[in-house]
Amino acid sequence: MKADTLLTGGWVVTMDPERRVIENGAVAVADGKIIAVGAAGEIDVEAARVIDTTGHIVFPGLIDVHAHAGHGLVKSIGMHGGDRWEEICGEVYTKASPPEFWYAEARLAALERLRFGVTTGVSLLGGGDTIMRTDDPAHASAHCRGVVEVGTRSVVAVGPTRAPHPLIYADWPNGVRREYPVSFERQMQTCQQIASEWHDTHDGCVQIAMLYPVLRDEHERDMSPEDYAIACEQAQIVRAYAREKGLIFTQDGHWRGSIRRADKLGLLGADSLLSHCIDLHEDEIGLVAKTGTKIAHNPSANASIAGRCPAIELMAAEVCVALGSDATAPDRSGDMFRHMQQAMHYHRRHFRDASVLPIGRVLEMCTIGGARALGLEDHLGSLEVGKTGDIVTLDLRRPHLFPPNMPLHSLVCFANGNDVTNVMVSGELVLDQGKSTRVTEAEILDDAAREATTMIDRIAAQVDLALPADFWGS
């Protein structure tokens, strides 16, 4: 049997149905697919390239089911000013982010994910729970091009803003700001064009999902009856389009009764992925379980401070709960090791029980569980024959990961993204000993710095870069 690449000698964490962990294991890849998994001495292959993984742990590419495109260039600006950070996001994503911004941010975020062993990530094309850059397809296309260049996978969520419309957007022809109104119909046309051009392209590395902002109690209370009715109708239009085209439907920011509203509107289902989901009522857990709806749990997010996602109770009801970073801002990175560790402590503190959310279960949440949440479990999330060759190696010979026993405990409880050494996506080695094989890191960083500076100038937010008065405490 011939292979393109053979990884051999390390601890292989398969995440297969038996959850096999093979000491001195091997994984062989040919034509982008895994063709053999087993003990190193039992795999008989002739490989064009052999990667010695002795002293490493080998596992499936990590999956981040909720993050935001654009955030990588906004990060901590204004984060100490109450709602100021959200206000900045709204201004940037509608009026200060030309396609060059989205291209630079996409490459930066994809490189961060790559360096951290995250091979697949959901990226909402905007921030807050409603501001999407869907006035023109050029912005999403720029994001997709950037991700493809780096070599990771992106599930790009696009959709309209919440009613009422129109919303004022702006572009910058020749460096001059030009404002214009954008309707729901224009945003839908943009999303449809994006889906037509980009969904399931580049060997499946780009997928498109549809999004409509969550409708909660405050929206019905604060909107006019006419506007609220329009918002409900728009949500159903977006949901119907996702079903028609076989796209994931996602929403950002469910809590305290909003799932009841989503159910009444027919938004739930096995192809729905709902994020945050804090302080759910007991009947809402039942609705999620009954409909097969998937949950993106973000334990490091601000929403998880405002309330608690009942991830443990949801999983007890056999709901698929996967892990998201909500990265990269205002105070969190795309390092899924950080979020695994946060998830364990988050729920153990709630129950005051250190046995809650076992180590292996939290690893499932960003491997096979993440793949299941995205409808990709037949292709990603585990190291099995026939699956796509998305594979990560992590160096266990680090002081914080020693002594060299119980490697899975070390992987989940002590590792961080900077311990990742090699990453393969579809069998291609896109990170080799911590270095990208496709792009030049310095160029991506320089481009990101340049676009961030331009963006700051456009929104006149320099004041938000200073240390706030309460930085050291009151």
Protein backbone atom coordinates (compact mmCIF):
# COMPACT_ATOMS: atom_id res chain seq x y z
CA MET A 1 0.00 0.00 0.00
CA LYS A 2 1.38 3.39 -0.99
CA ALA A 3 0.88 6.59 0.99
CA ASP A 4 1.77 10.22 0.49
CA THR A 5 2.53 10.71 4.19
CA LEU A 6 3.08 8.43 7.16
CA LEU A 7 3.07 9.82 10.69
CA THR A 8 4.62 7.24 12.98
CA GLY A 9 5.89 6.74 16.52
CA GLY A 10 3.59 8.95 18.57
CA TRP A 11 0.53 8.53 20.75
CA VAL A 12 -2.40 8.42 18.29
CA VAL A 13 -5.73 9.67 19.66
CA THR A 14 -8.24 8.41 17.11
CA MET A 15 -11.56 9.75 18.51
CA ASP A 16 -13.14 6.82 16.64
CA PRO A 17 -16.28 5.15 18.08
CA GLU A 18 -14.11 3.01 20.38
CA ARG A 19 -12.04 6.09 21.34
CA ARG A 20 -8.85 4.12 20.70
CA VAL A 21 -5.58 5.61 21.91
CA ILE A 22 -2.58 3.87 20.33
CA GLU A 23 0.85 4.17 21.93
CA ASN A 24 3.58 4.07 19.26
CA GLY A 25 0.89 4.45 16.63
CA ALA A 26 0.83 5.45 12.99
CA VAL A 27 -1.48 7.20 10.54
CA ALA A 28 -1.09 6.97 6.77
CA VAL A 29 -2.60 9.45 4.30
CA ALA A 30 -2.99 9.24 0.51
CA ASP A 31 -4.83 11.61 -1.84
CA GLY A 32 -6.03 13.66 1.12
CA LYS A 33 -7.67 10.71 2.91
CA ILE A 34 -6.62 8.52 5.80
CA ILE A 35 -5.86 5.04 4.49
CA ALA A 36 -4.51 3.33 7.63
CA VAL A 37 -4.51 3.82 11.42
CA GLY A 38 -2.89 1.43 13.85
CA ALA A 39 0.23 0.36 15.69
CA ALA A 40 3.41 1.57 14.01
CA GLY A 41 4.72 -1.95 13.49
CA GLU A 42 1.49 -3.20 11.95
CA ILE A 43 0.95 -0.67 9.17
CA ASP A 44 2.58 -1.85 5.97
CA VAL A 45 2.85 1.20 3.72
CA GLU A 46 5.39 2.73 1.42
CA ALA A 47 5.26 6.48 2.04
CA ALA A 48 6.75 9.31 0.02
CA ARG A 49 7.19 11.28 3.26
CA VAL A 50 7.61 9.96 6.78
CA ILE A 51 7.08 12.23 9.79
CA ASP A 52 8.60 10.91 12.99
CA THR A 53 6.12 11.70 15.77
CA THR A 54 8.05 10.09 18.61
CA GLY A 55 7.43 12.14 21.74
CA HIS A 56 4.34 13.71 20.16
CA ILE A 57 0.61 13.15 20.46
CA VAL A 58 -1.32 12.86 17.19
CA PHE A 59 -5.00 13.80 17.06
CA PRO A 60 -7.71 15.08 14.69
CA GLY A 61 -7.71 18.74 13.71
CA LEU A 62 -9.57 20.79 16.31
CA ILE A 63 -12.92 22.36 15.42
CA ASP A 64 -14.15 25.73 16.67
CA VAL A 65 -17.91 26.03 16.11
CA HIS A 66 -18.35 29.72 16.94
CA ALA A 67 -16.13 32.73 16.26
CA HIS A 68 -16.31 36.05 14.45
CA ALA A 69 -14.57 37.26 11.31
CA GLY A 70 -13.43 40.83 11.76
CA HIS A 71 -12.72 40.61 15.48
CA GLY A 72 -9.04 39.88 14.93
CA LEU A 73 -8.40 43.51 13.93
CA VAL A 74 -10.62 45.02 16.62
CA LYS A 75 -9.58 42.88 19.58
CA SER A 76 -9.39 44.86 22.84
CA ILE A 77 -10.15 48.37 21.52
CA GLY A 78 -12.61 49.98 23.92
CA MET A 79 -13.16 46.77 25.90
CA HIS A 80 -13.11 48.63 29.24
CA GLY A 81 -15.84 51.06 28.25
CA GLY A 82 -19.01 49.10 28.94
CA ASP A 83 -20.73 48.71 25.57
CA ARG A 84 -18.05 50.72 23.78
CA TRP A 85 -16.42 47.66 22.22
CA GLU A 86 -19.75 46.56 20.73
CA GLU A 87 -20.31 50.09 19.42
CA ILE A 88 -16.90 50.04 17.75
CA CYS A 89 -17.67 46.70 16.11
CA GLY A 90 -20.92 48.08 14.76
CA GLU A 91 -19.17 51.12 13.31
CA VAL A 92 -16.28 49.13 11.85
CA TYR A 93 -18.31 46.33 10.31
CA THR A 94 -20.75 48.64 8.56
CA LYS A 95 -18.71 51.73 7.75
CA ALA A 96 -14.96 51.20 8.14
CA SER A 97 -14.13 47.77 6.71
CA PRO A 98 -13.52 47.54 2.96
CA PRO A 99 -12.65 44.15 1.41
CA GLU A 100 -8.95 44.72 2.21
CA PHE A 101 -9.86 44.73 5.91
CA TRP A 102 -11.66 41.37 5.67
CA TYR A 103 -8.84 39.81 3.65
CA ALA A 104 -6.17 40.91 6.14
CA GLU A 105 -8.22 39.79 9.14
CA ALA A 106 -9.08 36.44 7.56
CA ARG A 107 -5.43 35.61 6.97
CA LEU A 108 -4.50 36.69 10.51
CA ALA A 109 -7.29 34.65 12.12
CA ALA A 110 -6.62 31.62 9.91
CA LEU A 111 -2.92 31.75 10.77
CA GLU A 112 -3.78 31.94 14.47
CA ARG A 113 -6.04 28.92 14.13
CA LEU A 114 -3.43 27.04 12.14
CA ARG A 115 -0.73 27.67 14.75
CA PHE A 116 -3.14 26.40 17.43
CA GLY A 117 -4.11 23.19 15.59
CA VAL A 118 -7.61 24.40 14.70
CA THR A 119 -8.24 23.13 11.19
CA THR A 120 -11.96 24.02 10.96
CA GLY A 121 -13.71 27.07 12.35
CA VAL A 122 -17.03 28.84 12.05
CA SER A 123 -16.64 32.57 11.33
CA LEU A 124 -19.61 34.92 11.48
CA LEU A 125 -18.94 37.72 9.00
CA GLY A 126 -19.34 40.46 11.58
CA GLY A 127 -19.98 40.99 15.25
CA GLY A 128 -22.37 41.84 17.97
CA ASP A 129 -25.40 39.68 17.41
CA THR A 130 -26.71 41.56 14.39
CA ILE A 131 -24.06 43.51 12.41
CA MET A 132 -23.14 41.47 9.34
CA ARG A 133 -21.06 42.78 6.42
CA THR A 134 -23.53 41.67 3.78
CA ASP A 135 -24.10 44.82 1.76
CA ASP A 136 -21.78 43.52 -0.98
CA PRO A 137 -20.36 40.02 -1.74
CA ALA A 138 -16.83 41.45 -2.02
CA HIS A 139 -16.32 41.38 1.76
CA ALA A 140 -17.14 37.69 2.20
CA SER A 141 -15.14 36.85 -0.91
CA ALA A 142 -12.12 38.62 0.55
CA HIS A 143 -12.47 36.57 3.74
CA CYS A 144 -12.75 33.32 1.81
CA ARG A 145 -9.70 34.10 -0.31
CA GLY A 146 -7.64 34.79 2.81
CA VAL A 147 -8.61 31.54 4.50
CA VAL A 148 -7.92 29.50 1.37
CA GLU A 149 -4.44 31.01 1.07
CA VAL A 150 -3.51 29.99 4.64
CA GLY A 151 -4.97 26.52 4.21
CA THR A 152 -7.49 26.09 7.01
CA ARG A 153 -11.24 25.48 6.73
CA SER A 154 -13.87 28.16 7.34
CA VAL A 155 -17.62 27.86 7.72
CA VAL A 156 -18.56 31.44 6.87
CA ALA A 157 -21.88 32.54 8.35
CA VAL A 158 -23.59 35.35 6.46
CA GLY A 159 -26.98 36.93 6.84
CA PRO A 160 -28.98 40.12 7.10
CA THR A 161 -29.07 42.48 10.04
CA ARG A 162 -32.09 42.43 12.32
CA ALA A 163 -35.10 44.47 11.21
CA PRO A 164 -35.89 47.34 10.81
CA HIS A 165 -34.25 48.24 7.53
CA PRO A 166 -32.61 49.98 5.80
CA LEU A 167 -29.31 50.17 7.67
CA ILE A 168 -26.64 52.68 6.69
CA TYR A 169 -23.40 51.18 5.40
CA ALA A 170 -20.33 52.87 3.92
CA ASP A 171 -17.45 52.09 1.60
CA TRP A 172 -14.25 54.01 0.85
CA PRO A 173 -13.70 54.60 -2.87
CA ASN A 174 -10.37 56.36 -3.29
CA GLY A 175 -10.18 56.75 0.48
CA VAL A 176 -13.34 58.85 0.71
CA ARG A 177 -16.25 57.67 2.85
CA ARG A 178 -19.49 57.08 0.90
CA GLU A 179 -22.65 56.12 2.82
CA TYR A 180 -25.69 54.32 1.42
CA PRO A 181 -28.81 52.54 2.73
CA VAL A 182 -28.97 48.75 2.63
CA SER A 183 -32.24 46.82 2.56
CA PHE A 184 -33.04 43.29 3.69
CA GLU A 185 -33.53 42.31 0.05
CA ARG A 186 -30.06 43.53 -0.87
CA GLN A 187 -28.53 41.60 2.01
CA MET A 188 -30.33 38.42 0.97
CA GLN A 189 -29.13 38.82 -2.61
CA THR A 190 -25.60 39.25 -1.28
CA CYS A 191 -25.87 36.06 0.79
CA GLN A 192 -27.29 34.09 -2.11
CA GLN A 193 -24.44 35.18 -4.36
CA ILE A 194 -21.87 34.27 -1.70
CA ALA A 195 -23.41 30.82 -1.26
CA SER A 196 -23.51 30.29 -5.04
CA GLU A 197 -19.87 31.26 -5.50
CA TRP A 198 -18.22 29.83 -2.40
CA HIS A 199 -20.17 27.04 -0.72
CA ASP A 200 -18.32 23.72 -0.63
CA THR A 201 -15.42 24.97 -2.72
CA HIS A 202 -11.64 24.45 -2.52
CA ASP A 203 -11.86 20.80 -1.50
CA GLY A 204 -14.57 21.65 1.01
CA CYS A 205 -12.37 24.15 2.82
CA VAL A 206 -15.03 26.86 2.42
CA GLN A 207 -18.59 26.24 3.54
CA ILE A 208 -21.32 28.86 3.78
CA ALA A 209 -23.88 29.04 6.58
CA MET A 210 -26.90 31.32 6.91
CA LEU A 211 -27.62 33.52 9.90
CA TYR A 212 -30.44 35.64 11.23
CA PRO A 213 -30.06 37.51 14.53
CA VAL A 214 -31.78 36.06 17.60
CA LEU A 215 -35.19 37.47 18.52
CA ARG A 216 -35.55 37.88 22.27
CA ASP A 217 -38.04 39.40 24.69
CA GLU A 218 -36.46 42.84 24.50
CA HIS A 219 -36.87 42.95 20.75
CA GLU A 220 -40.61 42.37 20.89
CA ARG A 221 -40.82 44.89 23.74
CA ASP A 222 -38.70 47.62 22.12
CA MET A 223 -39.66 47.23 18.46
CA SER A 224 -42.95 48.34 16.99
CA PRO A 225 -45.39 45.46 16.38
CA GLU A 226 -44.94 45.97 12.64
CA ASP A 227 -41.13 45.80 12.83
CA TYR A 228 -41.19 42.75 15.08
CA ALA A 229 -43.54 40.95 12.71
CA ILE A 230 -41.22 41.83 9.81
CA ALA A 231 -38.22 40.48 11.77
CA CYS A 232 -40.04 37.20 12.38
CA GLU A 233 -40.88 36.90 8.69
CA GLN A 234 -37.29 37.66 7.69
CA ALA A 235 -35.96 35.00 10.06
CA GLN A 236 -38.23 32.45 8.39
CA ILE A 237 -37.11 33.55 4.91
CA VAL A 238 -33.45 33.07 5.84
CA ARG A 239 -34.21 29.72 7.49
CA ALA A 240 -36.10 28.51 4.43
CA TYR A 241 -33.24 29.47 2.13
CA ALA A 242 -30.76 27.55 4.32
CA ARG A 243 -32.97 24.45 4.15
CA GLU A 244 -33.44 24.79 0.39
CA LYS A 245 -29.69 24.99 -0.24
CA GLY A 246 -28.61 22.49 2.41
CA LEU A 247 -26.76 25.10 4.47
CA ILE A 248 -26.31 25.27 8.23
CA PHE A 249 -28.54 27.84 9.92
CA THR A 250 -26.93 29.53 12.90
CA GLN A 251 -27.81 32.20 15.45
CA ASP A 252 -25.64 34.08 17.91
CA GLY A 253 -26.83 34.84 21.43
CA HIS A 254 -29.73 32.71 22.61
CA TRP A 255 -30.88 33.09 26.19
CA ARG A 256 -33.84 33.09 28.59
CA GLY A 257 -36.77 32.17 26.42
CA SER A 258 -35.43 32.95 22.95
CA ILE A 259 -35.37 29.27 21.98
CA ARG A 260 -39.13 29.14 22.59
CA ARG A 261 -39.48 31.96 20.07
CA ALA A 262 -37.19 30.21 17.60
CA ASP A 263 -39.26 27.04 17.89
CA LYS A 264 -42.51 28.89 17.20
CA LEU A 265 -40.91 30.36 14.07
CA GLY A 266 -39.75 26.94 12.87
CA LEU A 267 -36.06 27.79 13.14
CA LEU A 268 -34.91 24.71 15.08
CA GLY A 269 -33.71 21.48 13.50
CA ALA A 270 -30.80 19.11 13.00
CA ASP A 271 -29.18 21.65 10.67
CA SER A 272 -29.46 24.50 13.20
CA LEU A 273 -26.51 25.59 15.35
CA LEU A 274 -27.38 27.96 18.20
CA SER A 275 -24.67 29.73 20.18
CA HIS A 276 -24.30 30.72 23.85
CA CYS A 277 -27.74 29.47 24.99
CA ILE A 278 -27.45 30.76 28.55
CA ASP A 279 -30.04 30.37 31.30
CA LEU A 280 -32.31 28.13 29.23
CA HIS A 281 -35.62 27.06 30.67
CA GLU A 282 -36.15 23.34 31.18
CA ASP A 283 -38.68 23.14 28.35
CA GLU A 284 -36.14 24.78 26.01
CA ILE A 285 -33.66 21.96 26.70
CA GLY A 286 -36.46 19.60 25.71
CA LEU A 287 -37.15 21.54 22.50
CA VAL A 288 -33.48 21.42 21.52
CA ALA A 289 -33.32 17.67 22.18
CA LYS A 290 -36.58 16.93 20.36
CA THR A 291 -35.56 18.82 17.21
CA GLY A 292 -31.95 17.62 17.10
CA THR A 293 -30.72 21.21 17.23
CA LYS A 294 -26.98 21.63 17.87
CA ILE A 295 -25.47 23.95 20.50
CA ALA A 296 -22.27 26.01 20.30
CA HIS A 297 -21.03 26.42 23.87
CA ASN A 298 -18.61 29.31 24.46
CA PRO A 299 -17.38 29.02 28.06
CA SER A 300 -14.86 31.87 27.75
CA ALA A 301 -17.32 34.41 26.32
CA ASN A 302 -18.89 37.37 28.10
CA ALA A 303 -22.27 35.70 27.68
CA SER A 304 -21.06 32.88 29.93
CA ILE A 305 -20.44 35.48 32.62
CA ALA A 306 -23.91 36.98 32.21
CA GLY A 307 -25.51 33.55 32.50
CA ARG A 308 -24.77 29.85 32.31
CA CYS A 309 -25.09 27.56 29.34
CA PRO A 310 -26.51 24.28 30.74
CA ALA A 311 -24.15 22.23 28.59
CA ILE A 312 -24.08 19.34 31.04
CA GLU A 313 -27.85 19.12 31.19
CA LEU A 314 -28.10 19.43 27.41
CA MET A 315 -25.62 16.59 26.89
CA ALA A 316 -27.54 14.50 29.42
CA ALA A 317 -30.55 15.01 27.15
CA GLU A 318 -28.41 13.68 24.26
CA VAL A 319 -28.02 17.08 22.61
CA CYS A 320 -24.88 17.64 20.53
CA VAL A 321 -22.96 20.39 22.35
CA ALA A 322 -19.74 21.52 20.67
CA LEU A 323 -17.12 23.99 21.79
CA GLY A 324 -16.64 27.50 20.45
CA SER A 325 -14.07 30.18 21.20
CA ASP A 326 -16.18 33.28 20.40
CA ALA A 327 -12.74 34.54 19.34
CA THR A 328 -10.79 36.58 19.09
CA ALA A 329 -11.99 39.57 21.04
CA PRO A 330 -12.31 41.34 23.34
CA ASP A 331 -10.36 39.14 25.74
CA ARG A 332 -9.96 35.67 24.25
CA SER A 333 -7.93 33.91 21.58
CA GLY A 334 -8.69 31.06 19.23
CA ASP A 335 -6.70 28.61 21.38
CA MET A 336 -9.13 25.73 21.88
CA PHE A 337 -6.95 24.23 24.61
CA ARG A 338 -7.74 27.31 26.69
CA HIS A 339 -11.45 26.86 26.05
CA MET A 340 -11.41 23.14 26.90
CA GLN A 341 -9.81 23.95 30.24
CA GLN A 342 -12.22 26.83 30.82
CA ALA A 343 -15.20 24.60 30.07
CA MET A 344 -14.20 22.03 32.66
CA HIS A 345 -13.69 24.60 35.42
CA TYR A 346 -16.82 26.51 34.43
CA HIS A 347 -19.17 23.59 34.98
CA ARG A 348 -17.28 21.99 37.85
CA ARG A 349 -17.53 25.26 39.77
CA HIS A 350 -21.27 25.42 39.10
CA PHE A 351 -21.89 21.89 40.38
CA ARG A 352 -19.05 22.04 42.93
CA ASP A 353 -18.00 18.65 41.61
CA ALA A 354 -14.58 18.00 40.03
CA SER A 355 -15.87 14.93 38.20
CA VAL A 356 -18.27 16.94 36.00
CA LEU A 357 -17.36 17.15 32.29
CA PRO A 358 -14.67 14.47 32.11
CA ILE A 359 -11.47 15.21 30.25
CA GLY A 360 -12.29 12.92 27.34
CA ARG A 361 -15.75 14.41 26.95
CA VAL A 362 -14.46 17.95 26.59
CA LEU A 363 -11.97 16.75 23.95
CA GLU A 364 -14.92 15.27 22.05
CA MET A 365 -16.59 18.70 22.04
CA CYS A 366 -13.95 20.19 19.73
CA THR A 367 -13.18 17.10 17.62
CA ILE A 368 -15.89 14.58 16.70
CA GLY A 369 -18.57 16.64 18.48
CA GLY A 370 -17.60 19.75 16.55
CA ALA A 371 -17.76 17.79 13.30
CA ARG A 372 -21.20 16.48 14.23
CA ALA A 373 -22.44 19.99 15.02
CA LEU A 374 -21.44 21.07 11.52
CA GLY A 375 -22.83 17.99 9.79
CA LEU A 376 -19.30 16.93 8.83
CA GLU A 377 -18.83 13.85 11.03
CA ASP A 378 -18.50 11.59 7.98
CA HIS A 379 -15.41 13.53 6.94
CA LEU A 380 -13.81 15.22 9.95
CA GLY A 381 -13.37 14.94 13.71
CA SER A 382 -11.62 11.59 14.05
CA LEU A 383 -8.71 9.62 12.66
CA GLU A 384 -10.43 6.79 10.78
CA VAL A 385 -9.85 5.12 7.43
CA GLY A 386 -11.72 6.99 4.74
CA LYS A 387 -11.91 10.28 6.57
CA THR A 388 -10.20 13.46 5.44
CA GLY A 389 -6.58 13.84 6.53
CA ASP A 390 -6.94 16.75 8.98
CA ILE A 391 -4.27 15.81 11.52
CA VAL A 392 -2.38 17.65 14.25
CA THR A 393 0.77 16.73 16.16
CA LEU A 394 1.71 18.28 19.49
CA ASP A 395 5.10 18.07 21.19
CA LEU A 396 4.81 16.37 24.57
CA ARG A 397 8.46 16.99 25.40
CA ARG A 398 7.77 20.27 27.14
CA PRO A 399 8.31 20.99 30.85
CA HIS A 400 4.63 21.74 31.43
CA LEU A 401 3.64 18.44 29.77
CA PHE A 402 6.03 16.18 31.66
CA PRO A 403 6.44 13.54 33.04
CA PRO A 404 5.73 11.45 29.93
CA ASN A 405 2.70 9.54 31.13
CA MET A 406 -1.06 9.98 30.79
CA PRO A 407 -0.68 11.94 27.52
CA LEU A 408 -4.40 12.65 27.08
CA HIS A 409 -4.49 14.37 30.46
CA SER A 410 -1.49 16.44 29.41
CA LEU A 411 -3.12 17.27 26.06
CA VAL A 412 -6.36 18.60 27.53
CA CYS A 413 -5.34 19.92 30.95
CA PHE A 414 -1.86 21.37 30.40
CA ALA A 415 -1.21 21.95 26.68
CA ASN A 416 -1.68 25.21 24.84
CA GLY A 417 -1.81 26.07 21.17
CA ASN A 418 1.86 26.95 21.01
CA ASP A 419 2.76 23.30 21.66
CA VAL A 420 1.40 22.33 18.22
CA THR A 421 4.14 21.33 15.78
CA ASN A 422 2.54 20.01 12.57
CA VAL A 423 -0.87 20.44 10.97
CA MET A 424 -2.26 18.64 7.94
CA VAL A 425 -5.43 19.70 6.14
CA SER A 426 -6.77 17.31 3.49
CA GLY A 427 -3.43 15.52 3.69
CA GLU A 428 -1.40 18.65 2.93
CA LEU A 429 1.20 19.67 5.49
CA VAL A 430 0.24 23.31 6.00
CA LEU A 431 2.17 23.76 9.27
CA ASP A 432 5.62 22.18 9.46
CA GLN A 433 7.41 22.43 12.82
CA GLY A 434 5.42 25.53 13.70
CA LYS A 435 5.94 27.29 10.35
CA SER A 436 3.33 27.82 7.67
CA THR A 437 4.22 26.13 4.40
CA ARG A 438 1.90 28.39 2.37
CA VAL A 439 2.24 31.94 3.62
CA THR A 440 4.83 34.24 5.15
CA GLU A 441 3.83 35.09 8.70
CA ALA A 442 5.59 38.48 8.72
CA GLU A 443 3.62 39.61 5.66
CA ILE A 444 0.33 38.65 7.28
CA LEU A 445 1.22 40.49 10.49
CA ASP A 446 2.34 43.61 8.61
CA ASP A 447 -0.82 43.63 6.52
CA ALA A 448 -2.98 43.20 9.63
CA ALA A 449 -1.21 46.07 11.40
CA ARG A 450 -1.64 48.33 8.38
CA GLU A 451 -5.37 47.60 7.99
CA ALA A 452 -5.97 48.01 11.73
CA THR A 453 -4.30 51.42 11.69
CA THR A 454 -6.40 52.49 8.70
CA MET A 455 -9.55 51.24 10.41
CA ILE A 456 -8.77 53.15 13.60
CA ASP A 457 -8.20 56.34 11.64
CA ARG A 458 -11.56 55.91 9.94
CA ILE A 459 -13.52 55.54 13.17
CA ALA A 460 -11.41 58.06 15.15
CA ALA A 461 -11.10 55.61 18.05
CA GLN A 462 -7.51 56.36 19.07
CA VAL A 463 -8.70 57.30 22.56
CA ASP A 464 -9.73 53.67 23.07
CA LEU A 465 -6.11 52.55 22.74
CA ALA A 466 -5.07 54.26 25.97
CA LEU A 467 -5.12 52.47 29.32
CA PRO A 468 -8.45 53.28 30.98
CA ALA A 469 -8.55 55.04 34.34
CA ASP A 470 -9.60 51.84 36.10
CA PHE A 471 -6.99 49.60 34.42
CA TRP A 472 -5.23 48.94 37.75
CA GLY A 473 -8.48 48.89 39.71
CA SER A 474 -10.31 51.65 41.52
